[in-house]
Amino acid sequence: MNTAKRKEADGTEPLTVEAGADETEAFTERDRGDVIMRVGAVVVHLNSDDDKTTAALEQFSVLQVERIEKAAAGQEPEA
């Protein structure tokens, strides 16, 4: 994926989010941010209407990856 800052005709803008997932696709669309990730066989879609900054989306994404990895290892994920 080309992550160069560009705004598409439909208003989406790609983002680079480092979350530790096997694959990650992130973008903003009008008034929200979205992150789609694959961690092993689990695919998760996160979205935020409140804070669509790269830093906030990355923080939420890292937390979700940690939870998925704990659950996959048979541990109880925290909050």
PDB file of N, CA and C in Angstrom:
ATOM      1  N   MET A   1       0.832  -1.182   0.000  1.00  0.00           N
ATOM      2  CA  MET A   1       0.000   0.000   0.000  1.00  0.00           C
ATOM      3  C   MET A   1       0.872   1.238   0.000  1.00  0.00           C
ATOM      4  N   ASN A   2       0.570   2.191  -0.820  1.00  0.00           N
ATOM      5  CA  ASN A   2       1.272   3.464  -0.849  1.00  0.00           C
ATOM      6  C   ASN A   2       0.719   4.336   0.265  1.00  0.00           C
ATOM      7  N   THR A   3       1.540   4.627   1.281  1.00  0.00           N
ATOM      8  CA  THR A   3       1.059   5.382   2.428  1.00  0.00           C
ATOM      9  C   THR A   3       1.382   6.868   2.331  1.00  0.00           C
ATOM     10  N   ALA A   4       1.777   7.329   1.162  1.00  0.00           N
ATOM     11  CA  ALA A   4       2.041   8.751   0.992  1.00  0.00           C
ATOM     12  C   ALA A   4       0.766   9.521   1.299  1.00  0.00           C
ATOM     13  N   LYS A   5       0.932  10.687   1.937  1.00  0.00           N
ATOM     14  CA  LYS A   5      -0.235  11.496   2.284  1.00  0.00           C
ATOM     15  C   LYS A   5      -0.915  11.990   1.012  1.00  0.00           C
ATOM     16  N   ARG A   6      -2.130  11.519   0.823  1.00  0.00           N
ATOM     17  CA  ARG A   6      -2.913  11.966  -0.310  1.00  0.00           C
ATOM     18  C   ARG A   6      -4.371  11.871   0.078  1.00  0.00           C
ATOM     19  N   LYS A   7      -5.168  12.700  -0.465  1.00  0.00           N
ATOM     20  CA  LYS A   7      -6.588  12.664  -0.191  1.00  0.00           C
ATOM     21  C   LYS A   7      -7.278  12.149  -1.441  1.00  0.00           C
ATOM     22  N   GLU A   8      -8.042  11.080  -1.259  1.00  0.00           N
ATOM     23  CA  GLU A   8      -8.761  10.481  -2.371  1.00  0.00           C
ATOM     24  C   GLU A   8      -9.987  11.322  -2.713  1.00  0.00           C
ATOM     25  N   ALA A   9     -10.556  11.090  -3.871  1.00  0.00           N
ATOM     26  CA  ALA A   9     -11.734  11.825  -4.311  1.00  0.00           C
ATOM     27  C   ALA A   9     -12.908  11.631  -3.357  1.00  0.00           C
ATOM     28  N   ASP A  10     -12.996  10.472  -2.693  1.00  0.00           N
ATOM     29  CA  ASP A  10     -14.115  10.216  -1.784  1.00  0.00           C
ATOM     30  C   ASP A  10     -13.864  10.752  -0.374  1.00  0.00           C
ATOM     31  N   GLY A  11     -12.758  11.455  -0.161  1.00  0.00           N
ATOM     32  CA  GLY A  11     -12.472  12.057   1.137  1.00  0.00           C
ATOM     33  C   GLY A  11     -11.630  11.204   2.062  1.00  0.00           C
ATOM     34  N   THR A  12     -11.216  10.013   1.636  1.00  0.00           N
ATOM     35  CA  THR A  12     -10.379   9.179   2.494  1.00  0.00           C
ATOM     36  C   THR A  12      -8.921   9.590   2.379  1.00  0.00           C
ATOM     37  N   GLU A  13      -8.193   9.377   3.448  1.00  0.00           N
ATOM     38  CA  GLU A  13      -6.765   9.682   3.468  1.00  0.00           C
ATOM     39  C   GLU A  13      -6.047   8.540   4.170  1.00  0.00           C
ATOM     40  N   PRO A  14      -5.094   7.868   3.537  1.00  0.00           N
ATOM     41  CA  PRO A  14      -4.393   6.755   4.171  1.00  0.00           C
ATOM     42  C   PRO A  14      -3.519   7.216   5.336  1.00  0.00           C
ATOM     43  N   LEU A  15      -3.370   6.347   6.323  1.00  0.00           N
ATOM     44  CA  LEU A  15      -2.521   6.614   7.475  1.00  0.00           C
ATOM     45  C   LEU A  15      -1.531   5.466   7.643  1.00  0.00           C
ATOM     46  N   THR A  16      -0.425   5.736   8.304  1.00  0.00           N
ATOM     47  CA  THR A  16       0.512   4.686   8.674  1.00  0.00           C
ATOM     48  C   THR A  16       0.382   4.465  10.169  1.00  0.00           C
ATOM     49  N   VAL A  17      -0.066   3.267  10.542  1.00  0.00           N
ATOM     50  CA  VAL A  17      -0.246   2.909  11.939  1.00  0.00           C
ATOM     51  C   VAL A  17       0.607   1.684  12.225  1.00  0.00           C
ATOM     52  N   GLU A  18       1.515   1.793  13.198  1.00  0.00           N
ATOM     53  CA  GLU A  18       2.382   0.680  13.614  1.00  0.00           C
ATOM     54  C   GLU A  18       1.774   0.064  14.865  1.00  0.00           C
ATOM     55  N   ALA A  19       1.174  -1.121  14.720  1.00  0.00           N
ATOM     56  CA  ALA A  19       0.487  -1.732  15.853  1.00  0.00           C
ATOM     57  C   ALA A  19       1.046  -3.100  16.223  1.00  0.00           C
ATOM     58  N   GLY A  20       1.951  -3.638  15.420  1.00  0.00           N
ATOM     59  CA  GLY A  20       2.477  -4.965  15.686  1.00  0.00           C
ATOM     60  C   GLY A  20       1.635  -6.082  15.089  1.00  0.00           C
ATOM     61  N   ALA A  21       0.669  -5.740  14.252  1.00  0.00           N
ATOM     62  CA  ALA A  21      -0.173  -6.733  13.594  1.00  0.00           C
ATOM     63  C   ALA A  21       0.568  -7.311  12.389  1.00  0.00           C
ATOM     64  N   ASP A  22       0.085  -8.457  11.889  1.00  0.00           N
ATOM     65  CA  ASP A  22       0.681  -9.055  10.699  1.00  0.00           C
ATOM     66  C   ASP A  22       0.423  -8.195   9.465  1.00  0.00           C
ATOM     67  N   GLU A  23      -0.742  -7.611   9.399  1.00  0.00           N
ATOM     68  CA  GLU A  23      -1.099  -6.694   8.315  1.00  0.00           C
ATOM     69  C   GLU A  23      -1.958  -5.578   8.897  1.00  0.00           C
ATOM     70  N   THR A  24      -1.780  -4.367   8.373  1.00  0.00           N
ATOM     71  CA  THR A  24      -2.544  -3.223   8.866  1.00  0.00           C
ATOM     72  C   THR A  24      -2.896  -2.303   7.710  1.00  0.00           C
ATOM     73  N   GLU A  25      -4.123  -1.839   7.703  1.00  0.00           N
ATOM     74  CA  GLU A  25      -4.608  -0.841   6.740  1.00  0.00           C
ATOM     75  C   GLU A  25      -5.321   0.217   7.567  1.00  0.00           C
ATOM     76  N   ALA A  26      -4.931   1.480   7.433  1.00  0.00           N
ATOM     77  CA  ALA A  26      -5.545   2.542   8.226  1.00  0.00           C
ATOM     78  C   ALA A  26      -5.833   3.744   7.343  1.00  0.00           C
ATOM     79  N   PHE A  27      -6.913   4.431   7.663  1.00  0.00           N
ATOM     80  CA  PHE A  27      -7.289   5.614   6.897  1.00  0.00           C
ATOM     81  C   PHE A  27      -8.268   6.469   7.684  1.00  0.00           C
ATOM     82  N   THR A  28      -8.371   7.734   7.287  1.00  0.00           N
ATOM     83  CA  THR A  28      -9.410   8.609   7.816  1.00  0.00           C
ATOM     84  C   THR A  28     -10.440   8.804   6.713  1.00  0.00           C
ATOM     85  N   GLU A  29     -11.657   8.992   7.134  1.00  0.00           N
ATOM     86  CA  GLU A  29     -12.745   9.220   6.184  1.00  0.00           C
ATOM     87  C   GLU A  29     -13.681  10.239   6.793  1.00  0.00           C
ATOM     88  N   ARG A  30     -13.695  11.413   6.215  1.00  0.00           N
ATOM     89  CA  ARG A  30     -14.506  12.520   6.707  1.00  0.00           C
ATOM     90  C   ARG A  30     -14.275  12.758   8.200  1.00  0.00           C
ATOM     91  N   ASP A  31     -15.175  12.315   9.056  1.00  0.00           N
ATOM     92  CA  ASP A  31     -15.075  12.630  10.480  1.00  0.00           C
ATOM     93  C   ASP A  31     -14.732  11.424  11.344  1.00  0.00           C
ATOM     94  N   ARG A  32     -14.067  10.397  10.785  1.00  0.00           N
ATOM     95  CA  ARG A  32     -13.700   9.231  11.588  1.00  0.00           C
ATOM     96  C   ARG A  32     -12.403   8.611  11.090  1.00  0.00           C
ATOM     97  N   GLY A  33     -11.792   7.815  11.967  1.00  0.00           N
ATOM     98  CA  GLY A  33     -10.589   7.070  11.609  1.00  0.00           C
ATOM     99  C   GLY A  33     -10.870   5.584  11.690  1.00  0.00           C
ATOM    100  N   ASP A  34     -10.290   4.809  10.789  1.00  0.00           N
ATOM    101  CA  ASP A  34     -10.492   3.367  10.736  1.00  0.00           C
ATOM    102  C   ASP A  34      -9.156   2.648  10.646  1.00  0.00           C
ATOM    103  N   VAL A  35      -9.075   1.493  11.338  1.00  0.00           N
ATOM    104  CA  VAL A  35      -7.907   0.621  11.243  1.00  0.00           C
ATOM    105  C   VAL A  35      -8.430  -0.798  11.064  1.00  0.00           C
ATOM    106  N   ILE A  36      -7.923  -1.480  10.047  1.00  0.00           N
ATOM    107  CA  ILE A  36      -8.248  -2.882   9.810  1.00  0.00           C
ATOM    108  C   ILE A  36      -6.934  -3.646   9.933  1.00  0.00           C
ATOM    109  N   MET A  37      -6.930  -4.670  10.807  1.00  0.00           N
ATOM    110  CA  MET A  37      -5.696  -5.402  11.070  1.00  0.00           C
ATOM    111  C   MET A  37      -5.948  -6.904  11.031  1.00  0.00           C
ATOM    112  N   ARG A  38      -4.861  -7.633  10.717  1.00  0.00           N
ATOM    113  CA  ARG A  38      -4.891  -9.084  10.839  1.00  0.00           C
ATOM    114  C   ARG A  38      -3.790  -9.480  11.816  1.00  0.00           C
ATOM    115  N   VAL A  39      -4.183 -10.261  12.836  1.00  0.00           N
ATOM    116  CA  VAL A  39      -3.248 -10.799  13.818  1.00  0.00           C
ATOM    117  C   VAL A  39      -3.463 -12.302  13.801  1.00  0.00           C
ATOM    118  N   GLY A  40      -2.545 -13.038  13.165  1.00  0.00           N
ATOM    119  CA  GLY A  40      -2.753 -14.472  12.972  1.00  0.00           C
ATOM    120  C   GLY A  40      -3.981 -14.688  12.103  1.00  0.00           C
ATOM    121  N   ALA A  41      -4.952 -15.432  12.623  1.00  0.00           N
ATOM    122  CA  ALA A  41      -6.180 -15.700  11.867  1.00  0.00           C
ATOM    123  C   ALA A  41      -7.312 -14.748  12.241  1.00  0.00           C
ATOM    124  N   VAL A  42      -7.024 -13.772  13.100  1.00  0.00           N
ATOM    125  CA  VAL A  42      -8.051 -12.839  13.566  1.00  0.00           C
ATOM    126  C   VAL A  42      -7.973 -11.545  12.764  1.00  0.00           C
ATOM    127  N   VAL A  43      -9.119 -11.112  12.260  1.00  0.00           N
ATOM    128  CA  VAL A  43      -9.210  -9.822  11.565  1.00  0.00           C
ATOM    129  C   VAL A  43     -10.067  -8.909  12.428  1.00  0.00           C
ATOM    130  N   VAL A  44      -9.571  -7.720  12.674  1.00  0.00           N
ATOM    131  CA  VAL A  44     -10.285  -6.768  13.533  1.00  0.00           C
ATOM    132  C   VAL A  44     -10.402  -5.429  12.814  1.00  0.00           C
ATOM    133  N   HIS A  45     -11.540  -4.782  13.005  1.00  0.00           N
ATOM    134  CA  HIS A  45     -11.787  -3.458  12.437  1.00  0.00           C
ATOM    135  C   HIS A  45     -12.077  -2.516  13.593  1.00  0.00           C
ATOM    136  N   LEU A  46     -11.248  -1.505  13.757  1.00  0.00           N
ATOM    137  CA  LEU A  46     -11.442  -0.488  14.782  1.00  0.00           C
ATOM    138  C   LEU A  46     -11.826   0.814  14.103  1.00  0.00           C
ATOM    139  N   ASN A  47     -12.743   1.544  14.717  1.00  0.00           N
ATOM    140  CA  ASN A  47     -13.016   2.879  14.202  1.00  0.00           C
ATOM    141  C   ASN A  47     -13.226   3.835  15.355  1.00  0.00           C
ATOM    142  N   SER A  48     -12.949   5.089  15.113  1.00  0.00           N
ATOM    143  CA  SER A  48     -13.077   6.116  16.135  1.00  0.00           C
ATOM    144  C   SER A  48     -13.731   7.346  15.533  1.00  0.00           C
ATOM    145  N   ASP A  49     -14.821   7.726  16.138  1.00  0.00           N
ATOM    146  CA  ASP A  49     -15.482   8.969  15.734  1.00  0.00           C
ATOM    147  C   ASP A  49     -14.976  10.141  16.572  1.00  0.00           C
ATOM    148  N   ASP A  50     -14.376   9.839  17.730  1.00  0.00           N
ATOM    149  CA  ASP A  50     -13.948  10.893  18.647  1.00  0.00           C
ATOM    150  C   ASP A  50     -12.565  11.441  18.324  1.00  0.00           C
ATOM    151  N   ASP A  51     -11.623  10.558  18.058  1.00  0.00           N
ATOM    152  CA  ASP A  51     -10.239  10.983  17.832  1.00  0.00           C
ATOM    153  C   ASP A  51      -9.672  10.184  16.670  1.00  0.00           C
ATOM    154  N   LYS A  52      -9.462  10.849  15.562  1.00  0.00           N
ATOM    155  CA  LYS A  52      -8.962  10.147  14.374  1.00  0.00           C
ATOM    156  C   LYS A  52      -7.493  10.445  14.090  1.00  0.00           C
ATOM    157  N   THR A  53      -6.770  10.914  15.093  1.00  0.00           N
ATOM    158  CA  THR A  53      -5.355  11.169  14.897  1.00  0.00           C
ATOM    159  C   THR A  53      -4.600   9.849  14.802  1.00  0.00           C
ATOM    160  N   THR A  54      -3.487   9.868  14.124  1.00  0.00           N
ATOM    161  CA  THR A  54      -2.671   8.665  13.974  1.00  0.00           C
ATOM    162  C   THR A  54      -2.241   8.137  15.339  1.00  0.00           C
ATOM    163  N   ALA A  55      -1.848   9.023  16.239  1.00  0.00           N
ATOM    164  CA  ALA A  55      -1.386   8.596  17.566  1.00  0.00           C
ATOM    165  C   ALA A  55      -2.490   7.871  18.339  1.00  0.00           C
ATOM    166  N   ALA A  56      -3.686   8.385  18.316  1.00  0.00           N
ATOM    167  CA  ALA A  56      -4.796   7.756  19.038  1.00  0.00           C
ATOM    168  C   ALA A  56      -5.159   6.419  18.414  1.00  0.00           C
ATOM    169  N   LEU A  57      -5.245   6.360  17.091  1.00  0.00           N
ATOM    170  CA  LEU A  57      -5.572   5.108  16.418  1.00  0.00           C
ATOM    171  C   LEU A  57      -4.487   4.060  16.662  1.00  0.00           C
ATOM    172  N   GLU A  58      -3.238   4.494  16.686  1.00  0.00           N
ATOM    173  CA  GLU A  58      -2.139   3.569  16.945  1.00  0.00           C
ATOM    174  C   GLU A  58      -2.209   3.032  18.372  1.00  0.00           C
ATOM    175  N   GLN A  59      -2.517   3.879  19.338  1.00  0.00           N
ATOM    176  CA  GLN A  59      -2.622   3.454  20.725  1.00  0.00           C
ATOM    177  C   GLN A  59      -3.725   2.402  20.886  1.00  0.00           C
ATOM    178  N   PHE A  60      -4.893   2.639  20.317  1.00  0.00           N
ATOM    179  CA  PHE A  60      -5.994   1.682  20.388  1.00  0.00           C
ATOM    180  C   PHE A  60      -5.643   0.383  19.663  1.00  0.00           C
ATOM    181  N   SER A  61      -4.942   0.496  18.557  1.00  0.00           N
ATOM    182  CA  SER A  61      -4.570  -0.681  17.772  1.00  0.00           C
ATOM    183  C   SER A  61      -3.582  -1.560  18.515  1.00  0.00           C
ATOM    184  N   VAL A  62      -2.577  -0.958  19.134  1.00  0.00           N
ATOM    185  CA  VAL A  62      -1.582  -1.713  19.905  1.00  0.00           C
ATOM    186  C   VAL A  62      -2.267  -2.461  21.048  1.00  0.00           C
ATOM    187  N   LEU A  63      -3.186  -1.801  21.733  1.00  0.00           N
ATOM    188  CA  LEU A  63      -3.916  -2.438  22.826  1.00  0.00           C
ATOM    189  C   LEU A  63      -4.700  -3.651  22.314  1.00  0.00           C
ATOM    190  N   GLN A  64      -5.358  -3.502  21.173  1.00  0.00           N
ATOM    191  CA  GLN A  64      -6.146  -4.601  20.620  1.00  0.00           C
ATOM    192  C   GLN A  64      -5.254  -5.768  20.199  1.00  0.00           C
ATOM    193  N   VAL A  65      -4.108  -5.493  19.590  1.00  0.00           N
ATOM    194  CA  VAL A  65      -3.174  -6.552  19.194  1.00  0.00           C
ATOM    195  C   VAL A  65      -2.703  -7.310  20.434  1.00  0.00           C
ATOM    196  N   GLU A  66      -2.379  -6.595  21.504  1.00  0.00           N
ATOM    197  CA  GLU A  66      -1.942  -7.247  22.745  1.00  0.00           C
ATOM    198  C   GLU A  66      -3.039  -8.162  23.294  1.00  0.00           C
ATOM    199  N   ARG A  67      -4.279  -7.713  23.256  1.00  0.00           N
ATOM    200  CA  ARG A  67      -5.400  -8.518  23.748  1.00  0.00           C
ATOM    201  C   ARG A  67      -5.586  -9.781  22.907  1.00  0.00           C
ATOM    202  N   ILE A  68      -5.500  -9.642  21.602  1.00  0.00           N
ATOM    203  CA  ILE A  68      -5.657 -10.801  20.704  1.00  0.00           C
ATOM    204  C   ILE A  68      -4.549 -11.814  20.957  1.00  0.00           C
ATOM    205  N   GLU A  69      -3.316 -11.339  21.076  1.00  0.00           N
ATOM    206  CA  GLU A  69      -2.189 -12.241  21.305  1.00  0.00           C
ATOM    207  C   GLU A  69      -2.313 -12.965  22.642  1.00  0.00           C
ATOM    208  N   LYS A  70      -2.768 -12.289  23.689  1.00  0.00           N
ATOM    209  CA  LYS A  70      -2.967 -12.938  24.990  1.00  0.00           C
ATOM    210  C   LYS A  70      -4.044 -14.009  24.897  1.00  0.00           C
ATOM    211  N   ALA A  71      -5.149 -13.681  24.269  1.00  0.00           N
ATOM    212  CA  ALA A  71      -6.246 -14.649  24.129  1.00  0.00           C
ATOM    213  C   ALA A  71      -5.791 -15.857  23.319  1.00  0.00           C
ATOM    214  N   ALA A  72      -5.021 -15.625  22.269  1.00  0.00           N
ATOM    215  CA  ALA A  72      -4.532 -16.723  21.428  1.00  0.00           C
ATOM    216  C   ALA A  72      -3.572 -17.630  22.206  1.00  0.00           C
ATOM    217  N   ALA A  73      -2.885 -17.067  23.182  1.00  0.00           N
ATOM    218  CA  ALA A  73      -1.953 -17.845  23.996  1.00  0.00           C
ATOM    219  C   ALA A  73      -2.635 -18.502  25.199  1.00  0.00           C
ATOM    220  N   GLY A  74      -3.961 -18.349  25.291  1.00  0.00           N
ATOM    221  CA  GLY A  74      -4.712 -18.975  26.371  1.00  0.00           C
ATOM    222  C   GLY A  74      -4.720 -18.186  27.661  1.00  0.00           C
ATOM    223  N   GLN A  75      -4.268 -16.947  27.607  1.00  0.00           N
ATOM    224  CA  GLN A  75      -4.253 -16.095  28.796  1.00  0.00           C
ATOM    225  C   GLN A  75      -5.514 -15.228  28.837  1.00  0.00           C
ATOM    226  N   GLU A  76      -5.826 -14.720  30.000  1.00  0.00           N
ATOM    227  CA  GLU A  76      -6.972 -13.827  30.158  1.00  0.00           C
ATOM    228  C   GLU A  76      -6.552 -12.411  29.737  1.00  0.00           C
ATOM    229  N   PRO A  77      -7.156 -11.874  28.660  1.00  0.00           N
ATOM    230  CA  PRO A  77      -6.801 -10.501  28.266  1.00  0.00           C
ATOM    231  C   PRO A  77      -7.286  -9.496  29.308  1.00  0.00           C
ATOM    232  N   GLU A  78      -6.497  -8.464  29.506  1.00  0.00           N
ATOM    233  CA  GLU A  78      -6.885  -7.409  30.450  1.00  0.00           C
ATOM    234  C   GLU A  78      -7.842  -6.450  29.744  1.00  0.00           C
ATOM    235  N   ALA A  79      -8.592  -5.739  30.546  1.00  0.00           N
ATOM    236  CA  ALA A  79      -9.577  -4.756  30.077  1.00  0.00           C
ATOM    237  C   ALA A  79      -9.511  -4.506  28.657  1.00  0.00           C
TER     238      ALA A  79
END
